[in-house]
């Protein structure tokens, strides 16, 4: 049962968008189409919400700062949520004085010094920590086809156009894969030709973020590779989890929360060097039996541990203990 909130207001920023979908139709839910602004704040306050979830990006846009400060002067508690990288979580202490609670969508924090700051005795009472929120219904219907000997092997990567998001050796990873897998085609979603150096590979294509659906993208690629810059730590990688739901084998970096999402050799592969990335991509391309096993294990594991039912239970437990 949901707690007896008069109104719970959720914005549309991920993963708050997933929260809204998950609780859609509840009479005590007001789902705002967009971020809160000074203009619509009075109308929202007339609802006298008992809690408000607002998902903030790591740079904390000015409108959010102004809103948090003003909203905190009301009687309604404010809950902010964070996820993604350590860069995001570094912003947490400066916000906690303005809000009542914060949610970190993660299992894992790699930097022990940073963890000691965030989870100090002063800050810890305000923080709830749960896995990211997922709705796996669409992705679990993705049709996966194991690679055949004569078929082009499609390697995917999902990111955005910011060059600083990519690992320093990402081009080396592409080159290493290209050398051991001669029939490889690279398919990038979200990145641009300006953010990735493709001089070491011949066959590739870039999709803009809304040019293809995530489901169709996963039905097109055979394997997903994922690695970020050395100074960025994924506390919980949405891209990796979505690929696992789809049954697309993942070859990813061995750091951050990814180590809790992937069981090496069973539900995917964890790597540290370009040659390791190339080795495991080659294994998946050359061994249909291994490919099918990893695909099946990844999907089953993701649904069991991170799927809709688990996410919704985590969310309801959080809401029931919100006051």
C-alpha atoms as a PDB file:
ATOM      1  CA  UNK A   1       0.000   0.000   0.000  1.00  0.00           C
ATOM      2  CA  UNK A   2       1.115   3.510  -0.748  1.00  0.00           C
ATOM      3  CA  UNK A   3       1.483   5.846   2.207  1.00  0.00           C
ATOM      4  CA  UNK A   4      -1.419   8.252   2.712  1.00  0.00           C
ATOM      5  CA  UNK A   5       0.201  11.180   0.964  1.00  0.00           C
ATOM      6  CA  UNK A   6      -2.082  14.032   0.032  1.00  0.00           C
ATOM      7  CA  UNK A   7       0.155  14.737  -2.943  1.00  0.00           C
ATOM      8  CA  UNK A   8       3.470  13.348  -4.058  1.00  0.00           C
ATOM      9  CA  UNK A   9       4.922  15.440  -6.861  1.00  0.00           C
ATOM     10  CA  UNK A  10       7.509  14.021  -9.235  1.00  0.00           C
ATOM     11  CA  UNK A  11       9.352  15.808 -12.028  1.00  0.00           C
ATOM     12  CA  UNK A  12      10.167  14.206 -15.361  1.00  0.00           C
ATOM     13  CA  UNK A  13      13.936  14.057 -15.129  1.00  0.00           C
ATOM     14  CA  UNK A  14      15.344  10.518 -15.101  1.00  0.00           C
ATOM     15  CA  UNK A  15      15.047   8.549 -12.928  1.00  0.00           C
ATOM     16  CA  UNK A  16      12.111  10.604 -11.615  1.00  0.00           C
ATOM     17  CA  UNK A  17      10.390   9.911 -14.947  1.00  0.00           C
ATOM     18  CA  UNK A  18      10.497   6.203 -14.132  1.00  0.00           C
ATOM     19  CA  UNK A  19       9.038   6.931 -10.692  1.00  0.00           C
ATOM     20  CA  UNK A  20       6.145   8.720 -12.354  1.00  0.00           C
ATOM     21  CA  UNK A  21       5.460   5.832 -14.742  1.00  0.00           C
ATOM     22  CA  UNK A  22       5.660   3.357 -11.892  1.00  0.00           C
ATOM     23  CA  UNK A  23       3.061   5.169  -9.777  1.00  0.00           C
ATOM     24  CA  UNK A  24       0.903   6.447 -12.636  1.00  0.00           C
ATOM     25  CA  UNK A  25      -2.785   6.570 -11.808  1.00  0.00           C
ATOM     26  CA  UNK A  26      -2.345   6.984  -8.068  1.00  0.00           C
ATOM     27  CA  UNK A  27      -4.724   9.695  -6.773  1.00  0.00           C
ATOM     28  CA  UNK A  28      -2.041  11.163  -4.538  1.00  0.00           C
ATOM     29  CA  UNK A  29       0.446  11.640  -7.352  1.00  0.00           C
ATOM     30  CA  UNK A  30       0.964  14.866  -9.272  1.00  0.00           C
ATOM     31  CA  UNK A  31       3.420  14.286 -12.091  1.00  0.00           C
ATOM     32  CA  UNK A  32       4.901  17.541 -13.327  1.00  0.00           C
ATOM     33  CA  UNK A  33       5.823  17.777 -17.001  1.00  0.00           C
ATOM     34  CA  UNK A  34       9.185  19.444 -16.593  1.00  0.00           C
ATOM     35  CA  UNK A  35      11.322  20.945 -13.900  1.00  0.00           C
ATOM     36  CA  UNK A  36       9.909  23.246 -11.272  1.00  0.00           C
ATOM     37  CA  UNK A  37      10.251  26.945 -11.999  1.00  0.00           C
ATOM     38  CA  UNK A  38       9.543  30.079 -10.036  1.00  0.00           C
ATOM     39  CA  UNK A  39       6.516  30.678 -12.276  1.00  0.00           C
ATOM     40  CA  UNK A  40       4.621  27.482 -11.436  1.00  0.00           C
ATOM     41  CA  UNK A  41       5.797  27.223  -7.831  1.00  0.00           C
ATOM     42  CA  UNK A  42       2.750  29.071  -6.326  1.00  0.00           C
ATOM     43  CA  UNK A  43       0.321  26.716  -8.108  1.00  0.00           C
ATOM     44  CA  UNK A  44       2.242  23.706  -6.810  1.00  0.00           C
ATOM     45  CA  UNK A  45       2.319  24.987  -3.254  1.00  0.00           C
ATOM     46  CA  UNK A  46      -1.481  25.336  -3.295  1.00  0.00           C
ATOM     47  CA  UNK A  47      -1.601  21.534  -3.546  1.00  0.00           C
ATOM     48  CA  UNK A  48       0.139  21.442  -0.163  1.00  0.00           C
ATOM     49  CA  UNK A  49       2.228  18.409  -1.139  1.00  0.00           C
ATOM     50  CA  UNK A  50       3.603  16.312   1.675  1.00  0.00           C
ATOM     51  CA  UNK A  51       6.682  15.436  -0.357  1.00  0.00           C
ATOM     52  CA  UNK A  52       8.325  16.419  -3.582  1.00  0.00           C
ATOM     53  CA  UNK A  53      10.863  14.379  -5.563  1.00  0.00           C
ATOM     54  CA  UNK A  54      13.119  16.377  -7.828  1.00  0.00           C
ATOM     55  CA  UNK A  55      15.978  14.749  -9.688  1.00  0.00           C
ATOM     56  CA  UNK A  56      18.938  17.097 -10.074  1.00  0.00           C
ATOM     57  CA  UNK A  57      21.742  16.903 -12.596  1.00  0.00           C
ATOM     58  CA  UNK A  58      25.287  17.152 -11.323  1.00  0.00           C
ATOM     59  CA  UNK A  59      25.692  20.810 -12.252  1.00  0.00           C
ATOM     60  CA  UNK A  60      22.598  21.927 -10.275  1.00  0.00           C
ATOM     61  CA  UNK A  61      21.046  24.440 -12.609  1.00  0.00           C
ATOM     62  CA  UNK A  62      20.304  27.883 -11.103  1.00  0.00           C
ATOM     63  CA  UNK A  63      16.520  27.479 -11.260  1.00  0.00           C
ATOM     64  CA  UNK A  64      16.850  24.438  -9.018  1.00  0.00           C
ATOM     65  CA  UNK A  65      18.957  26.323  -6.481  1.00  0.00           C
ATOM     66  CA  UNK A  66      16.412  29.136  -6.283  1.00  0.00           C
ATOM     67  CA  UNK A  67      13.528  26.732  -6.092  1.00  0.00           C
ATOM     68  CA  UNK A  68      15.094  24.580  -3.362  1.00  0.00           C
ATOM     69  CA  UNK A  69      15.799  27.585  -1.186  1.00  0.00           C
ATOM     70  CA  UNK A  70      12.302  28.974  -1.516  1.00  0.00           C
ATOM     71  CA  UNK A  71      10.499  25.659  -1.283  1.00  0.00           C
ATOM     72  CA  UNK A  72      12.293  24.698   1.900  1.00  0.00           C
ATOM     73  CA  UNK A  73      10.594  27.623   3.649  1.00  0.00           C
ATOM     74  CA  UNK A  74       7.252  25.825   3.331  1.00  0.00           C
ATOM     75  CA  UNK A  75       6.016  23.040   5.580  1.00  0.00           C
ATOM     76  CA  UNK A  76       6.299  20.371   2.890  1.00  0.00           C
ATOM     77  CA  UNK A  77       9.454  18.255   2.922  1.00  0.00           C
ATOM     78  CA  UNK A  78      11.700  18.266  -0.104  1.00  0.00           C
ATOM     79  CA  UNK A  79      13.351  15.116  -1.394  1.00  0.00           C
ATOM     80  CA  UNK A  80      16.056  15.353  -4.036  1.00  0.00           C
ATOM     81  CA  UNK A  81      17.492  12.400  -5.897  1.00  0.00           C
ATOM     82  CA  UNK A  82      20.943  11.910  -7.352  1.00  0.00           C
ATOM     83  CA  UNK A  83      22.529   9.223  -9.457  1.00  0.00           C
ATOM     84  CA  UNK A  84      25.109   8.730 -12.243  1.00  0.00           C
ATOM     85  CA  UNK A  85      28.659   9.557 -11.183  1.00  0.00           C
ATOM     86  CA  UNK A  86      30.817  10.698  -8.314  1.00  0.00           C
ATOM     87  CA  UNK A  87      30.729  14.144  -9.954  1.00  0.00           C
ATOM     88  CA  UNK A  88      27.013  14.205  -9.164  1.00  0.00           C
ATOM     89  CA  UNK A  89      27.348  13.049  -5.586  1.00  0.00           C
ATOM     90  CA  UNK A  90      29.988  15.680  -4.817  1.00  0.00           C
ATOM     91  CA  UNK A  91      27.171  18.219  -5.070  1.00  0.00           C
ATOM     92  CA  UNK A  92      25.141  16.492  -2.388  1.00  0.00           C
ATOM     93  CA  UNK A  93      26.519  18.114   0.800  1.00  0.00           C
ATOM     94  CA  UNK A  94      25.908  21.653  -0.451  1.00  0.00           C
ATOM     95  CA  UNK A  95      22.228  20.833  -1.081  1.00  0.00           C
ATOM     96  CA  UNK A  96      21.355  18.945   2.067  1.00  0.00           C
ATOM     97  CA  UNK A  97      20.991  22.071   4.170  1.00  0.00           C
ATOM     98  CA  UNK A  98      18.162  23.135   1.855  1.00  0.00           C
ATOM     99  CA  UNK A  99      16.227  19.871   1.756  1.00  0.00           C
ATOM    100  CA  UNK A 100      14.860  17.258   4.115  1.00  0.00           C
ATOM    101  CA  UNK A 101      16.036  14.079   2.454  1.00  0.00           C
ATOM    102  CA  UNK A 102      18.148  12.940  -0.442  1.00  0.00           C
ATOM    103  CA  UNK A 103      18.107   9.687  -2.369  1.00  0.00           C
ATOM    104  CA  UNK A 104      21.223   8.272  -3.974  1.00  0.00           C
ATOM    105  CA  UNK A 105      20.189   5.837  -6.694  1.00  0.00           C
ATOM    106  CA  UNK A 106      23.108   3.481  -6.227  1.00  0.00           C
ATOM    107  CA  UNK A 107      24.456   0.528  -4.320  1.00  0.00           C
ATOM    108  CA  UNK A 108      28.009   1.649  -4.467  1.00  0.00           C
ATOM    109  CA  UNK A 109      30.448   4.496  -3.839  1.00  0.00           C
ATOM    110  CA  UNK A 110      34.041   3.809  -4.811  1.00  0.00           C
ATOM    111  CA  UNK A 111      35.885   6.737  -3.246  1.00  0.00           C
ATOM    112  CA  UNK A 112      36.207   5.955   0.476  1.00  0.00           C
ATOM    113  CA  UNK A 113      37.189   9.522   1.358  1.00  0.00           C
ATOM    114  CA  UNK A 114      34.168  10.891  -0.474  1.00  0.00           C
ATOM    115  CA  UNK A 115      31.942   8.293   1.150  1.00  0.00           C
ATOM    116  CA  UNK A 116      33.101   9.384   4.600  1.00  0.00           C
ATOM    117  CA  UNK A 117      32.093  12.952   3.765  1.00  0.00           C
ATOM    118  CA  UNK A 118      28.673  12.074   2.370  1.00  0.00           C
ATOM    119  CA  UNK A 119      27.776   9.559   5.033  1.00  0.00           C
ATOM    120  CA  UNK A 120      29.058  11.522   7.993  1.00  0.00           C
ATOM    121  CA  UNK A 121      26.943  11.485  11.147  1.00  0.00           C
ATOM    122  CA  UNK A 122      25.582  14.914  10.202  1.00  0.00           C
ATOM    123  CA  UNK A 123      24.469  13.983   6.713  1.00  0.00           C
ATOM    124  CA  UNK A 124      23.601  10.309   7.030  1.00  0.00           C
ATOM    125  CA  UNK A 125      20.120  10.747   8.609  1.00  0.00           C
ATOM    126  CA  UNK A 126      18.964  12.627   5.521  1.00  0.00           C
ATOM    127  CA  UNK A 127      20.118  10.083   2.952  1.00  0.00           C
ATOM    128  CA  UNK A 128      18.364   7.033   1.587  1.00  0.00           C
ATOM    129  CA  UNK A 129      20.258   4.777  -0.781  1.00  0.00           C
ATOM    130  CA  UNK A 130      18.477   2.433  -3.208  1.00  0.00           C
ATOM    131  CA  UNK A 131      19.251   0.983  -6.647  1.00  0.00           C
ATOM    132  CA  UNK A 132      18.249   2.960  -9.696  1.00  0.00           C
ATOM    133  CA  UNK A 133      14.618   2.728 -10.792  1.00  0.00           C
ATOM    134  CA  UNK A 134      13.809   0.714 -13.922  1.00  0.00           C
ATOM    135  CA  UNK A 135      10.763  -0.339 -15.887  1.00  0.00           C
ATOM    136  CA  UNK A 136      11.927  -3.387 -17.822  1.00  0.00           C
ATOM    137  CA  UNK A 137       8.699  -4.245 -19.685  1.00  0.00           C
ATOM    138  CA  UNK A 138       9.730  -3.039 -23.144  1.00  0.00           C
ATOM    139  CA  UNK A 139      13.389  -4.052 -23.052  1.00  0.00           C
ATOM    140  CA  UNK A 140      12.714  -7.645 -22.019  1.00  0.00           C
ATOM    141  CA  UNK A 141      10.874  -8.120 -25.336  1.00  0.00           C
ATOM    142  CA  UNK A 142      13.976  -7.329 -27.407  1.00  0.00           C
ATOM    143  CA  UNK A 143      14.713 -10.125 -29.883  1.00  0.00           C
ATOM    144  CA  UNK A 144      18.349 -11.175 -29.581  1.00  0.00           C
ATOM    145  CA  UNK A 145      20.041 -13.077 -32.382  1.00  0.00           C
ATOM    146  CA  UNK A 146      23.388 -14.808 -31.733  1.00  0.00           C
ATOM    147  CA  UNK A 147      26.090 -13.909 -34.275  1.00  0.00           C
ATOM    148  CA  UNK A 148      26.656 -16.231 -37.219  1.00  0.00           C
ATOM    149  CA  UNK A 149      30.015 -16.929 -38.851  1.00  0.00           C
ATOM    150  CA  UNK A 150      29.381 -14.837 -41.968  1.00  0.00           C
ATOM    151  CA  UNK A 151      27.381 -12.070 -40.309  1.00  0.00           C
ATOM    152  CA  UNK A 152      28.695  -8.614 -39.515  1.00  0.00           C
ATOM    153  CA  UNK A 153      29.245  -8.345 -35.742  1.00  0.00           C
ATOM    154  CA  UNK A 154      27.768  -5.068 -34.488  1.00  0.00           C
ATOM    155  CA  UNK A 155      29.422  -3.439 -31.463  1.00  0.00           C
ATOM    156  CA  UNK A 156      27.391  -0.725 -29.745  1.00  0.00           C
ATOM    157  CA  UNK A 157      28.194   2.143 -27.416  1.00  0.00           C
ATOM    158  CA  UNK A 158      25.714   4.532 -25.778  1.00  0.00           C
ATOM    159  CA  UNK A 159      26.854   7.872 -24.402  1.00  0.00           C
ATOM    160  CA  UNK A 160      26.387  11.562 -25.178  1.00  0.00           C
ATOM    161  CA  UNK A 161      28.241  14.143 -27.214  1.00  0.00           C
ATOM    162  CA  UNK A 162      30.373  15.490 -24.351  1.00  0.00           C
ATOM    163  CA  UNK A 163      34.004  14.485 -25.076  1.00  0.00           C
ATOM    164  CA  UNK A 164      34.844  14.390 -21.371  1.00  0.00           C
ATOM    165  CA  UNK A 165      32.396  11.502 -20.930  1.00  0.00           C
ATOM    166  CA  UNK A 166      34.610   9.173 -22.955  1.00  0.00           C
ATOM    167  CA  UNK A 167      37.540   7.283 -21.485  1.00  0.00           C
ATOM    168  CA  UNK A 168      41.010   8.471 -22.369  1.00  0.00           C
ATOM    169  CA  UNK A 169      41.731   5.167 -24.129  1.00  0.00           C
ATOM    170  CA  UNK A 170      38.366   4.717 -25.861  1.00  0.00           C
ATOM    171  CA  UNK A 171      39.889   5.056 -29.320  1.00  0.00           C
ATOM    172  CA  UNK A 172      42.466   2.405 -28.348  1.00  0.00           C
ATOM    173  CA  UNK A 173      39.615   0.109 -27.352  1.00  0.00           C
ATOM    174  CA  UNK A 174      37.959   0.603 -30.745  1.00  0.00           C
ATOM    175  CA  UNK A 175      41.260  -0.034 -32.517  1.00  0.00           C
ATOM    176  CA  UNK A 176      41.979  -3.188 -30.507  1.00  0.00           C
ATOM    177  CA  UNK A 177      38.516  -4.595 -31.238  1.00  0.00           C
ATOM    178  CA  UNK A 178      38.859  -3.731 -34.912  1.00  0.00           C
ATOM    179  CA  UNK A 179      42.156  -5.622 -35.139  1.00  0.00           C
ATOM    180  CA  UNK A 180      40.897  -8.909 -33.681  1.00  0.00           C
ATOM    181  CA  UNK A 181      37.376  -8.821 -35.165  1.00  0.00           C
ATOM    182  CA  UNK A 182      37.704  -8.130 -38.867  1.00  0.00           C
ATOM    183  CA  UNK A 183      33.945  -8.251 -39.517  1.00  0.00           C
ATOM    184  CA  UNK A 184      33.042  -5.654 -36.879  1.00  0.00           C
ATOM    185  CA  UNK A 185      30.679  -2.728 -37.397  1.00  0.00           C
ATOM    186  CA  UNK A 186      30.501  -0.012 -34.716  1.00  0.00           C
ATOM    187  CA  UNK A 187      27.187   1.647 -33.944  1.00  0.00           C
ATOM    188  CA  UNK A 188      27.278   4.714 -31.672  1.00  0.00           C
ATOM    189  CA  UNK A 189      24.158   6.138 -30.029  1.00  0.00           C
ATOM    190  CA  UNK A 190      24.271   9.656 -28.592  1.00  0.00           C
ATOM    191  CA  UNK A 191      27.878  10.468 -29.428  1.00  0.00           C
ATOM    192  CA  UNK A 192      29.009  12.543 -32.414  1.00  0.00           C
ATOM    193  CA  UNK A 193      31.899  12.436 -34.854  1.00  0.00           C
ATOM    194  CA  UNK A 194      33.426  15.315 -32.914  1.00  0.00           C
ATOM    195  CA  UNK A 195      33.414  13.426 -29.613  1.00  0.00           C
ATOM    196  CA  UNK A 196      34.899  10.119 -30.830  1.00  0.00           C
ATOM    197  CA  UNK A 197      38.025   9.651 -32.937  1.00  0.00           C
ATOM    198  CA  UNK A 198      37.124   7.036 -35.550  1.00  0.00           C
ATOM    199  CA  UNK A 199      40.408   7.097 -37.473  1.00  0.00           C
ATOM    200  CA  UNK A 200      41.303   3.567 -36.309  1.00  0.00           C
ATOM    201  CA  UNK A 201      38.063   1.972 -37.552  1.00  0.00           C
ATOM    202  CA  UNK A 202      36.445   1.769 -40.967  1.00  0.00           C
ATOM    203  CA  UNK A 203      32.875   0.615 -40.524  1.00  0.00           C
ATOM    204  CA  UNK A 204      30.727   2.714 -38.222  1.00  0.00           C
ATOM    205  CA  UNK A 205      27.601   4.835 -37.915  1.00  0.00           C
ATOM    206  CA  UNK A 206      26.390   7.501 -35.480  1.00  0.00           C
ATOM    207  CA  UNK A 207      22.792   7.728 -34.296  1.00  0.00           C
ATOM    208  CA  UNK A 208      21.586  10.930 -32.676  1.00  0.00           C
ATOM    209  CA  UNK A 209      19.768  10.420 -29.332  1.00  0.00           C
ATOM    210  CA  UNK A 210      16.216  10.399 -30.764  1.00  0.00           C
ATOM    211  CA  UNK A 211      16.943   8.935 -34.187  1.00  0.00           C
ATOM    212  CA  UNK A 212      16.336   5.369 -33.031  1.00  0.00           C
ATOM    213  CA  UNK A 213      14.539   3.934 -30.008  1.00  0.00           C
ATOM    214  CA  UNK A 214      16.618   2.201 -27.366  1.00  0.00           C
ATOM    215  CA  UNK A 215      14.704  -1.026 -28.005  1.00  0.00           C
ATOM    216  CA  UNK A 216      15.405  -0.935 -31.747  1.00  0.00           C
ATOM    217  CA  UNK A 217      19.010  -0.056 -31.063  1.00  0.00           C
ATOM    218  CA  UNK A 218      19.481  -3.097 -28.821  1.00  0.00           C
ATOM    219  CA  UNK A 219      17.851  -5.277 -31.492  1.00  0.00           C
ATOM    220  CA  UNK A 220      20.454  -4.009 -33.968  1.00  0.00           C
ATOM    221  CA  UNK A 221      23.674  -4.508 -31.998  1.00  0.00           C
ATOM    222  CA  UNK A 222      25.255  -7.756 -30.795  1.00  0.00           C
ATOM    223  CA  UNK A 223      27.283  -6.459 -27.856  1.00  0.00           C
ATOM    224  CA  UNK A 224      27.560  -3.226 -25.858  1.00  0.00           C
ATOM    225  CA  UNK A 225      30.899  -1.810 -24.727  1.00  0.00           C
ATOM    226  CA  UNK A 226      31.028   0.738 -21.917  1.00  0.00           C
ATOM    227  CA  UNK A 227      33.875   2.725 -20.418  1.00  0.00           C
ATOM    228  CA  UNK A 228      34.074   6.255 -18.985  1.00  0.00           C
ATOM    229  CA  UNK A 229      36.895   8.593 -18.030  1.00  0.00           C
ATOM    230  CA  UNK A 230      39.171   7.549 -15.184  1.00  0.00           C
ATOM    231  CA  UNK A 231      37.990  10.431 -12.968  1.00  0.00           C
ATOM    232  CA  UNK A 232      34.316   9.496 -13.335  1.00  0.00           C
ATOM    233  CA  UNK A 233      32.774   6.655 -11.359  1.00  0.00           C
ATOM    234  CA  UNK A 234      29.363   5.251 -12.256  1.00  0.00           C
ATOM    235  CA  UNK A 235      27.524   4.574  -9.016  1.00  0.00           C
ATOM    236  CA  UNK A 236      24.869   2.731 -11.015  1.00  0.00           C
ATOM    237  CA  UNK A 237      25.055   2.520 -14.801  1.00  0.00           C
ATOM    238  CA  UNK A 238      21.637   2.746 -16.464  1.00  0.00           C
ATOM    239  CA  UNK A 239      23.019   1.870 -19.907  1.00  0.00           C
ATOM    240  CA  UNK A 240      24.549  -1.373 -18.625  1.00  0.00           C
ATOM    241  CA  UNK A 241      21.346  -2.419 -16.856  1.00  0.00           C
ATOM    242  CA  UNK A 242      19.144  -1.664 -19.863  1.00  0.00           C
ATOM    243  CA  UNK A 243      21.407  -3.756 -22.097  1.00  0.00           C
ATOM    244  CA  UNK A 244      21.167  -6.622 -19.607  1.00  0.00           C
ATOM    245  CA  UNK A 245      17.345  -6.390 -19.664  1.00  0.00           C
ATOM    246  CA  UNK A 246      17.518  -6.609 -23.450  1.00  0.00           C
ATOM    247  CA  UNK A 247      19.799  -9.647 -23.318  1.00  0.00           C
ATOM    248  CA  UNK A 248      22.644  -7.803 -25.047  1.00  0.00           C
ATOM    249  CA  UNK A 249      25.982  -9.012 -23.615  1.00  0.00           C
ATOM    250  CA  UNK A 250      27.958  -6.169 -22.033  1.00  0.00           C
ATOM    251  CA  UNK A 251      31.730  -5.727 -21.968  1.00  0.00           C
ATOM    252  CA  UNK A 252      32.358  -2.922 -19.472  1.00  0.00           C
ATOM    253  CA  UNK A 253      34.937  -1.355 -17.203  1.00  0.00           C
ATOM    254  CA  UNK A 254      35.668  -2.970 -13.870  1.00  0.00           C
ATOM    255  CA  UNK A 255      34.814  -0.087 -11.536  1.00  0.00           C
ATOM    256  CA  UNK A 256      31.981   1.631  -9.733  1.00  0.00           C
ATOM    257  CA  UNK A 257      28.562   0.079  -9.381  1.00  0.00           C
ATOM    258  CA  UNK A 258      29.053  -1.828 -12.634  1.00  0.00           C
ATOM    259  CA  UNK A 259      30.899  -4.444 -10.603  1.00  0.00           C
ATOM    260  CA  UNK A 260      27.657  -5.098  -8.743  1.00  0.00           C
ATOM    261  CA  UNK A 261      25.578  -5.275 -11.908  1.00  0.00           C
ATOM    262  CA  UNK A 262      27.739  -7.679 -13.908  1.00  0.00           C
ATOM    263  CA  UNK A 263      29.022 -11.038 -12.704  1.00  0.00           C
ATOM    264  CA  UNK A 264      32.192 -11.523 -14.726  1.00  0.00           C
ATOM    265  CA  UNK A 265      31.945 -14.482 -17.082  1.00  0.00           C
ATOM    266  CA  UNK A 266      28.296 -15.174 -16.215  1.00  0.00           C
ATOM    267  CA  UNK A 267      26.199 -12.101 -17.020  1.00  0.00           C
ATOM    268  CA  UNK A 268      28.827 -10.115 -18.947  1.00  0.00           C
ATOM    269  CA  UNK A 269      32.513  -9.261 -18.854  1.00  0.00           C
ATOM    270  CA  UNK A 270      34.527  -6.734 -16.813  1.00  0.00           C
ATOM    271  CA  UNK A 271      37.717  -5.250 -18.258  1.00  0.00           C
ATOM    272  CA  UNK A 272      40.524  -2.832 -17.511  1.00  0.00           C
ATOM    273  CA  UNK A 273      42.585  -2.591 -20.723  1.00  0.00           C
ATOM    274  CA  UNK A 274      41.829  -2.164 -24.442  1.00  0.00           C
ATOM    275  CA  UNK A 275      43.191  -5.651 -25.142  1.00  0.00           C
ATOM    276  CA  UNK A 276      40.813  -7.155 -22.578  1.00  0.00           C
ATOM    277  CA  UNK A 277      37.878  -5.388 -24.220  1.00  0.00           C
ATOM    278  CA  UNK A 278      38.961  -6.763 -27.587  1.00  0.00           C
ATOM    279  CA  UNK A 279      39.461 -10.275 -26.200  1.00  0.00           C
ATOM    280  CA  UNK A 280      35.971 -10.572 -24.726  1.00  0.00           C
ATOM    281  CA  UNK A 281      34.266  -8.964 -27.716  1.00  0.00           C
ATOM    282  CA  UNK A 282      36.078 -11.497 -29.920  1.00  0.00           C
ATOM    283  CA  UNK A 283      35.003 -14.385 -27.663  1.00  0.00           C
ATOM    284  CA  UNK A 284      31.369 -13.332 -27.954  1.00  0.00           C
ATOM    285  CA  UNK A 285      31.621 -12.934 -31.722  1.00  0.00           C
ATOM    286  CA  UNK A 286      33.321 -16.310 -32.257  1.00  0.00           C
ATOM    287  CA  UNK A 287      31.342 -18.442 -29.819  1.00  0.00           C
ATOM    288  CA  UNK A 288      27.554 -18.466 -30.346  1.00  0.00           C
ATOM    289  CA  UNK A 289      27.097 -20.823 -27.391  1.00  0.00           C
ATOM    290  CA  UNK A 290      28.868 -18.431 -25.037  1.00  0.00           C
ATOM    291  CA  UNK A 291      26.915 -15.534 -26.519  1.00  0.00           C
ATOM    292  CA  UNK A 292      23.562 -17.235 -25.912  1.00  0.00           C
ATOM    293  CA  UNK A 293      24.509 -18.184 -22.341  1.00  0.00           C
ATOM    294  CA  UNK A 294      25.650 -14.662 -21.415  1.00  0.00           C
ATOM    295  CA  UNK A 295      22.573 -13.146 -23.061  1.00  0.00           C
ATOM    296  CA  UNK A 296      20.174 -15.452 -21.205  1.00  0.00           C
ATOM    297  CA  UNK A 297      21.955 -15.060 -17.857  1.00  0.00           C
ATOM    298  CA  UNK A 298      22.149 -11.270 -18.158  1.00  0.00           C
ATOM    299  CA  UNK A 299      18.445 -10.848 -18.868  1.00  0.00           C
ATOM    300  CA  UNK A 300      17.323 -13.223 -16.113  1.00  0.00           C
ATOM    301  CA  UNK A 301      19.700 -11.687 -13.568  1.00  0.00           C
ATOM    302  CA  UNK A 302      18.676  -8.112 -14.410  1.00  0.00           C
ATOM    303  CA  UNK A 303      14.953  -8.851 -14.184  1.00  0.00           C
ATOM    304  CA  UNK A 304      15.385 -10.671 -10.873  1.00  0.00           C
ATOM    305  CA  UNK A 305      17.577  -8.041  -9.212  1.00  0.00           C
ATOM    306  CA  UNK A 306      16.756  -4.716 -10.929  1.00  0.00           C
ATOM    307  CA  UNK A 307      13.420  -5.228 -12.710  1.00  0.00           C
ATOM    308  CA  UNK A 308      10.052  -3.524 -12.396  1.00  0.00           C
ATOM    309  CA  UNK A 309       8.830  -5.528  -9.416  1.00  0.00           C
ATOM    310  CA  UNK A 310      12.049  -5.022  -7.470  1.00  0.00           C
ATOM    311  CA  UNK A 311      12.213  -1.332  -8.389  1.00  0.00           C
ATOM    312  CA  UNK A 312       8.620  -0.729  -7.358  1.00  0.00           C
ATOM    313  CA  UNK A 313       9.090  -2.506  -4.027  1.00  0.00           C
ATOM    314  CA  UNK A 314      12.220  -0.453  -3.340  1.00  0.00           C
ATOM    315  CA  UNK A 315      10.324   2.715  -4.193  1.00  0.00           C
ATOM    316  CA  UNK A 316       7.323   1.907  -2.012  1.00  0.00           C
ATOM    317  CA  UNK A 317       9.565   0.987   0.908  1.00  0.00           C
ATOM    318  CA  UNK A 318      11.279   4.335   0.459  1.00  0.00           C
ATOM    319  CA  UNK A 319       8.000   6.257   0.361  1.00  0.00           C
ATOM    320  CA  UNK A 320       6.599   4.443   3.376  1.00  0.00           C
ATOM    321  CA  UNK A 321       9.624   5.542   5.376  1.00  0.00           C
ATOM    322  CA  UNK A 322       9.763   9.047   3.947  1.00  0.00           C
ATOM    323  CA  UNK A 323       8.273  11.037   6.840  1.00  0.00           C
END
